[in-house]
Structure formats: C-alpha cells, structure tokens
C-alpha cells in the first residue's frame, strides 16, 4: 500500500456554505454565524436577549439541569446527561418566517475534540422542543438560513434542518 500526502497549498479548504475553522478554534466558532449567541456557564445566570440561562448540578442523575426563562417565565427545564456536566454549553437564537427559535448545544467534556459528543436542541420561543439529538460525529459549525439551519461535521458531512 502506498500512502502520500498532499501539500496543503494544493488543498481547497473552503466550501460555499461553510468556512472550516481550525480544529483548536472549532469550539468557540460553533454558532459564529449567528447574530445572537452566548456561552452558558454554571457560575451565574447568563442573559441573551429575552432569555436567561441557569445551569445547576442534578446529582440524582449525575448530570446537569439547564433552565431557561423568557421574560421572567420558565420555558425550558432540560436534564442533560453526565457526559455533558463538565463540558461547554452554548446557545443562539434564530428567526425563521416570523417565528423565533432557540438553539442550545452541549459539548461533552472530552479532552480530545474529535472524540467528544454533541447534543443539539432546538426550541420554539415558548419552550416547546422542536428537535433534540446527540451526535456521535463532531459538529464543527452551524449556519442559519431563511428556512432553518445547516450543520458541518468534522468528517465533512453536512446536515440540513428545515424549521
């Protein structure tokens, strides 16, 4: 078997829908294309527009409880499994056809970016769950569109969710 490497100067690293971030920069850029976004920490409530996020330990299930309030009313109370309890939690908001959606992503606490898991939840502004999934592949970037979102995975796969 013969293996060869291609010099990076000959490799195209851009795609019309995505700009592939460097691996070490991938976590902070997850929702970089969104106007409203926030990193959620467990130290204090975090505000993003009308939304306030609170994360508390959920010892009974060895995970975390993420609570979201909108204009003082709790709209989301979601338990995230223990694999996400020490990872990163980020959120962004998106408008699709006059409807507002809240995207919440949790990154597991894996030291190796390529082996961690990702959870993505999409909620309506009233807190109703529209979509939630744990991804084995690493989501590198999420982009907003007029009718939903598209996701780029570390292995080059793409996925589109229409809302």
Protein backbone atom coordinates (compact mmCIF):
# COMPACT_ATOMS: atom_id res chain seq x y z
CA UNK A 1 0.00 0.00 0.00
CA UNK A 2 1.33 3.42 -0.94
CA UNK A 3 0.37 6.48 1.09
CA UNK A 4 1.15 10.01 0.07
CA UNK A 5 0.31 13.35 1.50
CA UNK A 6 -0.83 16.35 -0.47
CA UNK A 7 0.80 19.66 0.35
CA UNK A 8 -1.75 21.96 1.99
CA UNK A 9 -1.11 24.66 -0.59
CA UNK A 10 -2.90 22.47 -3.17
CA UNK A 11 -5.89 21.62 -0.97
CA UNK A 12 -9.05 23.72 -1.14
CA UNK A 13 -10.24 24.41 2.41
CA UNK A 14 -13.35 26.45 1.69
CA UNK A 15 -16.89 25.47 0.84
CA UNK A 16 -19.61 27.84 -0.41
CA UNK A 17 -21.75 27.21 2.69
CA UNK A 18 -19.05 26.90 5.32
CA UNK A 19 -15.68 28.13 6.33
CA UNK A 20 -13.86 25.32 8.07
CA UNK A 21 -12.28 26.61 11.30
CA UNK A 22 -9.02 25.24 12.57
CA UNK A 23 -9.67 22.36 14.98
CA UNK A 24 -8.35 24.18 18.03
CA UNK A 25 -10.67 27.11 17.19
CA UNK A 26 -13.76 25.00 16.43
CA UNK A 27 -15.46 25.14 19.83
CA UNK A 28 -15.83 28.93 20.10
CA UNK A 29 -16.96 29.24 16.48
CA UNK A 30 -19.82 26.72 16.73
CA UNK A 31 -22.50 29.44 16.40
CA UNK A 32 -20.22 32.14 14.93
CA UNK A 33 -22.62 32.89 12.03
CA UNK A 34 -25.47 33.81 14.41
CA UNK A 35 -26.05 37.40 15.49
CA UNK A 36 -27.28 36.48 18.98
CA UNK A 37 -25.22 33.86 20.79
CA UNK A 38 -23.92 33.21 24.28
CA UNK A 39 -21.71 30.79 26.23
CA UNK A 40 -23.58 29.43 29.24
CA UNK A 41 -21.67 28.79 32.45
CA UNK A 42 -22.79 27.26 35.71
CA UNK A 43 -21.37 30.06 37.81
CA UNK A 44 -24.16 32.61 37.37
CA UNK A 45 -27.28 33.11 35.24
CA UNK A 46 -26.45 34.25 31.69
CA UNK A 47 -28.60 36.61 29.64
CA UNK A 48 -29.15 36.56 25.86
CA UNK A 49 -31.84 38.97 24.74
CA UNK A 50 -35.11 37.97 26.46
CA UNK A 51 -33.64 34.64 27.58
CA UNK A 52 -31.90 33.87 30.86
CA UNK A 53 -29.99 30.60 31.25
CA UNK A 54 -29.23 28.86 34.52
CA UNK A 55 -27.27 25.62 34.90
CA UNK A 56 -27.35 23.66 38.14
CA UNK A 57 -25.94 20.24 39.09
CA UNK A 58 -28.51 17.43 39.01
CA UNK A 59 -26.93 14.97 41.43
CA UNK A 60 -29.71 12.37 41.32
CA UNK A 61 -28.87 11.61 37.68
CA UNK A 62 -25.23 12.77 37.79
CA UNK A 63 -25.87 15.37 35.13
CA UNK A 64 -26.92 18.98 34.88
CA UNK A 65 -30.24 20.77 34.74
CA UNK A 66 -30.44 23.60 32.26
CA UNK A 67 -33.22 26.08 32.90
CA UNK A 68 -34.25 28.83 30.52
CA UNK A 69 -36.50 31.73 31.39
CA UNK A 70 -38.04 34.17 28.93
CA UNK A 71 -39.34 37.44 30.29
CA UNK A 72 -39.32 36.01 33.82
CA UNK A 73 -41.25 32.81 32.97
CA UNK A 74 -39.50 29.41 32.94
CA UNK A 75 -39.96 27.90 29.48
CA UNK A 76 -37.35 25.11 29.45
CA UNK A 77 -36.13 22.75 32.13
CA UNK A 78 -33.91 20.15 30.48
CA UNK A 79 -31.79 17.44 32.09
CA UNK A 80 -28.52 16.81 30.27
CA UNK A 81 -26.67 13.52 30.91
CA UNK A 82 -23.48 13.36 32.94
CA UNK A 83 -21.25 13.30 29.84
CA UNK A 84 -22.18 16.98 29.37
CA UNK A 85 -21.89 18.07 33.01
CA UNK A 86 -18.33 19.42 32.66
CA UNK A 87 -18.45 20.37 29.02
CA UNK A 88 -19.43 23.55 27.26
CA UNK A 89 -22.94 24.84 26.77
CA UNK A 90 -23.71 27.47 24.11
CA UNK A 91 -26.88 28.99 22.72
CA UNK A 92 -28.03 31.08 19.77
CA UNK A 93 -31.35 32.43 18.57
CA UNK A 94 -32.75 32.31 15.06
CA UNK A 95 -35.81 33.77 13.29
CA UNK A 96 -37.49 31.67 10.61
CA UNK A 97 -40.62 33.09 8.95
CA UNK A 98 -41.59 35.38 11.86
CA UNK A 99 -41.03 32.59 14.41
CA UNK A 100 -38.17 32.70 16.91
CA UNK A 101 -36.17 29.57 17.75
CA UNK A 102 -33.62 28.95 20.46
CA UNK A 103 -30.70 26.62 19.68
CA UNK A 104 -28.81 25.08 22.58
CA UNK A 105 -25.71 22.95 22.09
CA UNK A 106 -23.82 20.97 24.71
CA UNK A 107 -20.30 19.67 24.18
CA UNK A 108 -19.09 16.75 26.27
CA UNK A 109 -16.03 17.26 28.43
CA UNK A 110 -13.76 15.07 26.32
CA UNK A 111 -10.16 16.30 26.20
CA UNK A 112 -9.91 15.24 22.58
CA UNK A 113 -12.18 17.35 20.36
CA UNK A 114 -12.72 14.55 17.85
CA UNK A 115 -13.99 12.01 20.42
CA UNK A 116 -16.43 14.17 22.36
CA UNK A 117 -20.18 14.11 21.79
CA UNK A 118 -22.53 16.94 20.92
CA UNK A 119 -26.14 17.49 21.91
CA UNK A 120 -28.25 19.94 19.93
CA UNK A 121 -31.69 21.08 20.99
CA UNK A 122 -33.96 23.41 19.03
CA UNK A 123 -36.83 25.04 20.91
CA UNK A 124 -39.59 27.47 19.95
CA UNK A 125 -39.70 30.78 21.81
CA UNK A 126 -42.38 29.34 24.13
CA UNK A 127 -40.02 26.49 25.11
CA UNK A 128 -41.61 23.68 23.07
CA UNK A 129 -38.98 21.17 21.95
CA UNK A 130 -38.78 21.03 18.15
CA UNK A 131 -35.64 18.88 17.80
CA UNK A 132 -33.08 17.24 20.08
CA UNK A 133 -30.31 14.79 19.24
CA UNK A 134 -26.93 13.55 20.47
CA UNK A 135 -24.41 13.38 17.64
CA UNK A 136 -21.60 10.85 17.54
CA UNK A 137 -19.96 12.89 14.79
CA UNK A 138 -18.45 16.20 15.77
CA UNK A 139 -20.47 19.22 14.70
CA UNK A 140 -17.95 21.88 13.77
CA UNK A 141 -20.23 24.68 12.62
CA UNK A 142 -23.91 25.58 12.50
CA UNK A 143 -25.17 28.17 9.99
CA UNK A 144 -28.54 29.94 9.94
CA UNK A 145 -30.71 30.01 6.81
CA UNK A 146 -34.06 31.58 5.95
CA UNK A 147 -35.79 28.23 6.45
CA UNK A 148 -33.66 26.56 9.17
CA UNK A 149 -30.05 25.62 9.81
CA UNK A 150 -27.25 23.63 8.24
CA UNK A 151 -24.51 21.82 10.12
CA UNK A 152 -20.98 20.89 9.09
CA UNK A 153 -19.40 17.87 10.76
CA UNK A 154 -15.69 17.33 11.35
CA UNK A 155 -15.59 14.50 8.80
CA UNK A 156 -17.02 16.79 6.08
CA UNK A 157 -20.63 15.56 6.22
CA UNK A 158 -23.38 18.15 6.12
CA UNK A 159 -26.93 18.10 7.50
CA UNK A 160 -29.82 20.48 6.92
CA UNK A 161 -32.76 21.00 9.30
CA UNK A 162 -35.74 22.92 7.96
CA UNK A 163 -37.98 24.55 10.53
